[in-house]
């Protein structure tokens, strides 16, 4: 079934090539059940891809599988750099250097 995202299990490591074309260095990667998030090297942008049906990647198109990373969070000078980012099963939590907290899921749709 070409073009259909499906659940699968791998017993060997696989290379994530989805963000190679972005021309950025990345610092941290996290994964939820069906989404991935990476922090860029400057720690001021989050890129996400995968399923977004619960708005765990913010307001980026929630009806399609995001097959390529897209910026869904950028910190401002007032917020400071991204200090912590974690993915839950269907959510993403972000803490910035100025202790501002963001939580993305279907309950708040930040």
N, C-alpha and C. Protein backbone atom coordinates (compact mmCIF):
# COMPACT_ATOMS: atom_id res chain seq x y z
N UNK A 1 0.85 -1.19 0.00
CA UNK A 1 0.00 0.00 0.00
C UNK A 1 0.88 1.23 0.00
N UNK A 2 1.27 1.64 -1.16
CA UNK A 2 2.16 2.79 -1.30
C UNK A 2 1.47 4.06 -0.82
N UNK A 3 2.19 4.89 -0.08
CA UNK A 3 1.66 6.16 0.39
C UNK A 3 0.82 6.08 1.64
N UNK A 4 0.68 4.93 2.23
CA UNK A 4 -0.11 4.77 3.45
C UNK A 4 0.84 4.54 4.61
N UNK A 5 0.72 5.38 5.63
CA UNK A 5 1.54 5.24 6.82
C UNK A 5 0.96 4.10 7.64
N UNK A 6 1.79 3.18 8.07
CA UNK A 6 1.30 2.08 8.89
C UNK A 6 2.24 1.84 10.05
N UNK A 7 1.72 1.27 11.09
CA UNK A 7 2.52 0.94 12.26
C UNK A 7 3.42 -0.24 11.92
N UNK A 8 4.61 -0.19 12.43
CA UNK A 8 5.53 -1.28 12.16
C UNK A 8 6.54 -1.33 13.29
N UNK A 9 7.16 -2.45 13.46
CA UNK A 9 8.19 -2.63 14.48
C UNK A 9 9.46 -3.04 13.77
N UNK A 10 10.57 -2.44 14.16
CA UNK A 10 11.85 -2.82 13.59
C UNK A 10 12.73 -3.36 14.70
N UNK A 11 13.47 -4.38 14.40
CA UNK A 11 14.37 -4.97 15.39
C UNK A 11 15.79 -4.47 15.21
N UNK A 12 16.01 -3.62 14.22
CA UNK A 12 17.33 -3.03 13.99
C UNK A 12 17.18 -1.52 13.90
N UNK A 13 18.21 -0.77 14.25
CA UNK A 13 18.12 0.70 14.14
C UNK A 13 17.93 1.12 12.69
N UNK A 14 17.15 2.19 12.51
CA UNK A 14 16.96 2.74 11.18
C UNK A 14 17.37 4.20 11.19
N UNK A 15 17.85 4.68 10.08
CA UNK A 15 18.25 6.09 9.97
C UNK A 15 17.03 6.94 9.67
N UNK A 16 16.84 8.01 10.45
CA UNK A 16 15.76 8.95 10.19
C UNK A 16 16.28 9.98 9.19
N UNK A 17 15.80 9.91 7.98
CA UNK A 17 16.28 10.81 6.93
C UNK A 17 15.32 11.95 6.65
N UNK A 18 14.21 12.00 7.35
CA UNK A 18 13.17 13.00 7.06
C UNK A 18 13.66 14.44 7.21
N UNK A 19 14.58 14.70 8.09
CA UNK A 19 14.99 16.09 8.30
C UNK A 19 16.35 16.41 7.69
N UNK A 20 16.93 15.51 6.92
CA UNK A 20 18.25 15.74 6.33
C UNK A 20 18.26 16.91 5.36
N UNK A 21 17.16 17.17 4.66
CA UNK A 21 17.13 18.25 3.68
C UNK A 21 16.93 19.63 4.28
N UNK A 22 16.80 19.75 5.58
CA UNK A 22 16.50 21.04 6.20
C UNK A 22 17.71 21.96 6.36
N UNK A 23 18.91 21.46 6.15
CA UNK A 23 20.12 22.28 6.26
C UNK A 23 20.26 22.91 7.64
N UNK A 24 20.00 22.14 8.67
CA UNK A 24 20.14 22.59 10.07
C UNK A 24 20.82 21.48 10.85
N UNK A 25 21.50 21.87 11.89
CA UNK A 25 22.02 20.90 12.86
C UNK A 25 20.93 20.70 13.91
N UNK A 26 20.83 19.48 14.41
CA UNK A 26 19.81 19.20 15.41
C UNK A 26 20.44 18.70 16.70
N UNK A 27 19.79 19.06 17.80
CA UNK A 27 20.33 18.81 19.12
C UNK A 27 19.68 17.63 19.82
N UNK A 28 18.36 17.56 19.76
CA UNK A 28 17.62 16.58 20.53
C UNK A 28 16.45 16.06 19.69
N UNK A 29 16.16 14.79 19.83
CA UNK A 29 14.97 14.21 19.18
C UNK A 29 14.16 13.47 20.24
N UNK A 30 12.84 13.58 20.12
CA UNK A 30 11.93 12.87 21.00
C UNK A 30 10.83 12.26 20.13
N UNK A 31 10.20 11.21 20.65
CA UNK A 31 9.12 10.56 19.92
C UNK A 31 7.96 10.27 20.84
N UNK A 32 6.75 10.54 20.33
CA UNK A 32 5.53 10.10 20.99
C UNK A 32 5.13 8.77 20.37
N UNK A 33 3.90 8.39 20.54
CA UNK A 33 3.45 7.13 19.93
C UNK A 33 3.51 7.20 18.41
N UNK A 34 3.14 8.34 17.84
CA UNK A 34 3.05 8.43 16.39
C UNK A 34 3.57 9.76 15.85
N UNK A 35 4.39 10.46 16.62
CA UNK A 35 4.97 11.71 16.14
C UNK A 35 6.40 11.85 16.64
N UNK A 36 7.19 12.61 15.89
CA UNK A 36 8.58 12.89 16.23
C UNK A 36 8.75 14.40 16.34
N UNK A 37 9.65 14.83 17.22
CA UNK A 37 9.98 16.24 17.36
C UNK A 37 11.50 16.37 17.52
N UNK A 38 12.10 17.33 16.80
CA UNK A 38 13.53 17.60 16.95
C UNK A 38 13.74 19.07 17.25
N UNK A 39 14.77 19.35 18.06
CA UNK A 39 15.17 20.72 18.40
C UNK A 39 16.38 21.07 17.55
N UNK A 40 16.34 22.24 16.93
CA UNK A 40 17.50 22.64 16.14
C UNK A 40 18.67 23.02 17.03
N UNK A 41 19.86 23.13 16.45
CA UNK A 41 21.09 23.38 17.20
C UNK A 41 21.10 24.68 17.97
N UNK A 42 20.42 25.70 17.47
CA UNK A 42 20.34 27.00 18.17
C UNK A 42 19.32 26.93 19.32
N UNK A 43 18.58 25.85 19.37
CA UNK A 43 17.56 25.62 20.39
C UNK A 43 16.47 26.69 20.39
N UNK A 44 16.09 27.15 19.18
CA UNK A 44 15.01 28.13 19.10
C UNK A 44 13.85 27.68 18.22
N UNK A 45 13.96 26.48 17.61
CA UNK A 45 12.88 25.96 16.76
C UNK A 45 12.65 24.48 17.05
N UNK A 46 11.38 24.10 16.98
CA UNK A 46 11.01 22.69 17.03
C UNK A 46 10.39 22.30 15.70
N UNK A 47 10.88 21.20 15.15
CA UNK A 47 10.32 20.63 13.94
C UNK A 47 9.57 19.36 14.32
N UNK A 48 8.43 19.12 13.72
CA UNK A 48 7.68 17.92 14.01
C UNK A 48 7.16 17.25 12.76
N UNK A 49 6.95 15.93 12.86
CA UNK A 49 6.32 15.18 11.78
C UNK A 49 5.72 13.90 12.33
N UNK A 50 4.83 13.30 11.56
CA UNK A 50 4.11 12.10 11.97
C UNK A 50 2.62 12.40 12.08
N UNK A 51 1.90 11.58 12.83
CA UNK A 51 0.48 11.82 13.03
C UNK A 51 0.29 13.03 13.93
N UNK A 52 -0.72 13.84 13.61
CA UNK A 52 -1.02 15.04 14.38
C UNK A 52 -2.50 15.11 14.72
N UNK A 53 -3.15 13.98 14.81
CA UNK A 53 -4.60 13.94 15.00
C UNK A 53 -5.05 14.51 16.34
N UNK A 54 -4.15 14.63 17.30
CA UNK A 54 -4.49 15.21 18.60
C UNK A 54 -3.79 16.54 18.81
N UNK A 55 -3.37 17.18 17.71
CA UNK A 55 -2.70 18.49 17.73
C UNK A 55 -1.44 18.48 18.56
N UNK A 56 -0.78 17.32 18.66
CA UNK A 56 0.47 17.25 19.39
C UNK A 56 1.59 18.01 18.67
N UNK A 57 1.36 18.39 17.42
CA UNK A 57 2.29 19.23 16.66
C UNK A 57 1.64 20.58 16.37
N UNK A 58 0.86 21.05 17.32
CA UNK A 58 0.19 22.35 17.26
C UNK A 58 -0.85 22.37 16.15
N UNK A 59 -1.01 23.51 15.54
CA UNK A 59 -2.09 23.67 14.57
C UNK A 59 -1.68 23.31 13.15
N UNK A 60 -0.51 22.70 12.98
CA UNK A 60 -0.16 22.17 11.67
C UNK A 60 -1.24 21.17 11.28
N UNK A 61 -1.53 21.05 10.02
CA UNK A 61 -2.60 20.20 9.48
C UNK A 61 -2.81 18.93 10.30
N UNK A 62 -3.94 18.84 10.96
CA UNK A 62 -4.19 17.70 11.85
C UNK A 62 -4.88 16.53 11.16
N UNK A 63 -5.24 16.69 9.89
CA UNK A 63 -5.96 15.62 9.22
C UNK A 63 -5.07 14.77 8.33
N UNK A 64 -3.83 15.15 8.17
CA UNK A 64 -2.90 14.39 7.35
C UNK A 64 -1.71 13.96 8.17
N UNK A 65 -1.06 12.92 7.71
CA UNK A 65 0.21 12.50 8.31
C UNK A 65 1.27 13.45 7.76
N UNK A 66 2.02 14.09 8.64
CA UNK A 66 3.10 14.99 8.20
C UNK A 66 4.30 14.13 7.87
N UNK A 67 4.62 14.03 6.61
CA UNK A 67 5.70 13.14 6.17
C UNK A 67 7.06 13.80 6.19
N UNK A 68 7.09 15.12 6.31
CA UNK A 68 8.35 15.85 6.37
C UNK A 68 8.27 16.84 7.53
N UNK A 69 9.37 17.06 8.22
CA UNK A 69 9.36 17.98 9.36
C UNK A 69 8.93 19.38 8.97
N UNK A 70 8.19 20.00 9.86
CA UNK A 70 7.75 21.38 9.68
C UNK A 70 7.90 22.07 11.03
N UNK A 71 8.26 23.36 11.00
CA UNK A 71 8.41 24.12 12.25
C UNK A 71 7.02 24.31 12.86
N UNK A 72 6.85 23.90 14.11
CA UNK A 72 5.58 24.14 14.78
C UNK A 72 5.74 24.99 16.04
N UNK A 73 6.98 25.28 16.42
CA UNK A 73 7.22 26.15 17.57
C UNK A 73 8.53 26.89 17.37
N UNK A 74 8.49 28.21 17.56
CA UNK A 74 9.71 29.04 17.55
C UNK A 74 9.70 29.90 18.79
N UNK A 75 10.79 29.86 19.54
CA UNK A 75 10.85 30.68 20.75
C UNK A 75 11.31 32.09 20.38
N UNK A 76 10.79 33.05 21.11
CA UNK A 76 11.17 34.45 20.90
C UNK A 76 12.30 34.82 21.85
N UNK A 77 12.86 35.99 21.67
CA UNK A 77 13.91 36.47 22.56
C UNK A 77 13.38 36.55 23.99
N UNK A 78 12.13 36.97 24.15
CA UNK A 78 11.52 37.08 25.48
C UNK A 78 11.36 35.73 26.17
N UNK A 79 11.19 34.68 25.38
CA UNK A 79 10.99 33.35 25.96
C UNK A 79 12.30 32.65 26.28
N UNK A 80 13.37 33.01 25.58
CA UNK A 80 14.65 32.32 25.75
C UNK A 80 14.68 31.06 24.90
N UNK A 81 15.79 30.36 24.96
CA UNK A 81 15.93 29.15 24.15
C UNK A 81 15.11 28.00 24.74
N UNK A 82 14.93 26.97 23.95
CA UNK A 82 14.19 25.79 24.40
C UNK A 82 15.10 24.99 25.32
N UNK A 83 14.70 24.84 26.56
CA UNK A 83 15.49 24.11 27.55
C UNK A 83 15.09 22.65 27.66
N UNK A 84 13.81 22.38 27.49
CA UNK A 84 13.30 21.03 27.64
C UNK A 84 12.16 20.82 26.67
N UNK A 85 12.13 19.64 26.10
CA UNK A 85 11.04 19.25 25.21
C UNK A 85 10.85 17.76 25.39
N UNK A 86 9.61 17.36 25.63
CA UNK A 86 9.28 15.95 25.79
C UNK A 86 8.00 15.65 25.04
N UNK A 87 7.91 14.43 24.54
CA UNK A 87 6.71 13.97 23.86
C UNK A 87 6.02 12.93 24.72
N UNK A 88 4.72 13.11 24.88
CA UNK A 88 3.90 12.08 25.50
C UNK A 88 3.29 11.23 24.39
N UNK A 89 2.42 10.36 24.78
CA UNK A 89 1.77 9.49 23.80
C UNK A 89 1.11 10.31 22.69
N UNK A 90 0.36 11.34 23.06
CA UNK A 90 -0.36 12.18 22.10
C UNK A 90 -0.19 13.66 22.43
N UNK A 91 0.98 14.04 22.91
CA UNK A 91 1.19 15.43 23.31
C UNK A 91 2.67 15.81 23.20
N UNK A 92 2.91 17.11 23.26
CA UNK A 92 4.28 17.63 23.30
C UNK A 92 4.33 18.75 24.33
N UNK A 93 5.34 18.72 25.19
CA UNK A 93 5.53 19.72 26.24
C UNK A 93 6.86 20.43 26.00
N UNK A 94 6.85 21.76 26.16
CA UNK A 94 8.04 22.57 25.91
C UNK A 94 8.25 23.51 27.10
N UNK A 95 9.51 23.65 27.54
CA UNK A 95 9.88 24.63 28.58
C UNK A 95 11.00 25.47 28.00
N UNK A 96 10.84 26.80 28.08
CA UNK A 96 11.87 27.70 27.57
C UNK A 96 12.77 28.19 28.69
N UNK A 97 13.85 28.86 28.31
CA UNK A 97 14.83 29.36 29.26
C UNK A 97 14.29 30.39 30.22
N UNK A 98 13.21 31.04 29.88
CA UNK A 98 12.58 32.02 30.77
C UNK A 98 11.39 31.39 31.50
N UNK A 99 11.39 30.06 31.59
CA UNK A 99 10.40 29.28 32.35
C UNK A 99 8.98 29.44 31.83
N UNK A 100 8.85 29.62 30.52
CA UNK A 100 7.52 29.61 29.91
C UNK A 100 7.25 28.18 29.47
N UNK A 101 6.06 27.71 29.75
CA UNK A 101 5.68 26.32 29.48
C UNK A 101 4.58 26.27 28.42
N UNK A 102 4.70 25.31 27.52
CA UNK A 102 3.72 25.11 26.46
C UNK A 102 3.37 23.64 26.40
N UNK A 103 2.10 23.36 26.21
CA UNK A 103 1.64 21.98 26.13
C UNK A 103 0.70 21.89 24.93
N UNK A 104 1.02 21.00 23.99
CA UNK A 104 0.23 20.84 22.78
C UNK A 104 -0.49 19.50 22.80
N UNK A 105 -1.82 19.56 22.70
CA UNK A 105 -2.66 18.38 22.51
C UNK A 105 -4.05 18.84 22.13
N UNK A 106 -4.97 17.90 21.96
CA UNK A 106 -6.30 18.27 21.47
C UNK A 106 -7.13 19.03 22.49
N UNK A 107 -6.73 19.03 23.75
CA UNK A 107 -7.51 19.71 24.77
C UNK A 107 -7.33 21.23 24.72
N UNK A 108 -6.12 21.67 24.30
CA UNK A 108 -5.90 23.11 24.29
C UNK A 108 -5.53 23.66 22.93
N UNK A 109 -5.01 22.85 22.04
CA UNK A 109 -4.69 23.25 20.68
C UNK A 109 -3.85 24.51 20.57
N UNK A 110 -2.98 24.75 21.54
CA UNK A 110 -2.15 25.95 21.50
C UNK A 110 -1.76 26.20 20.09
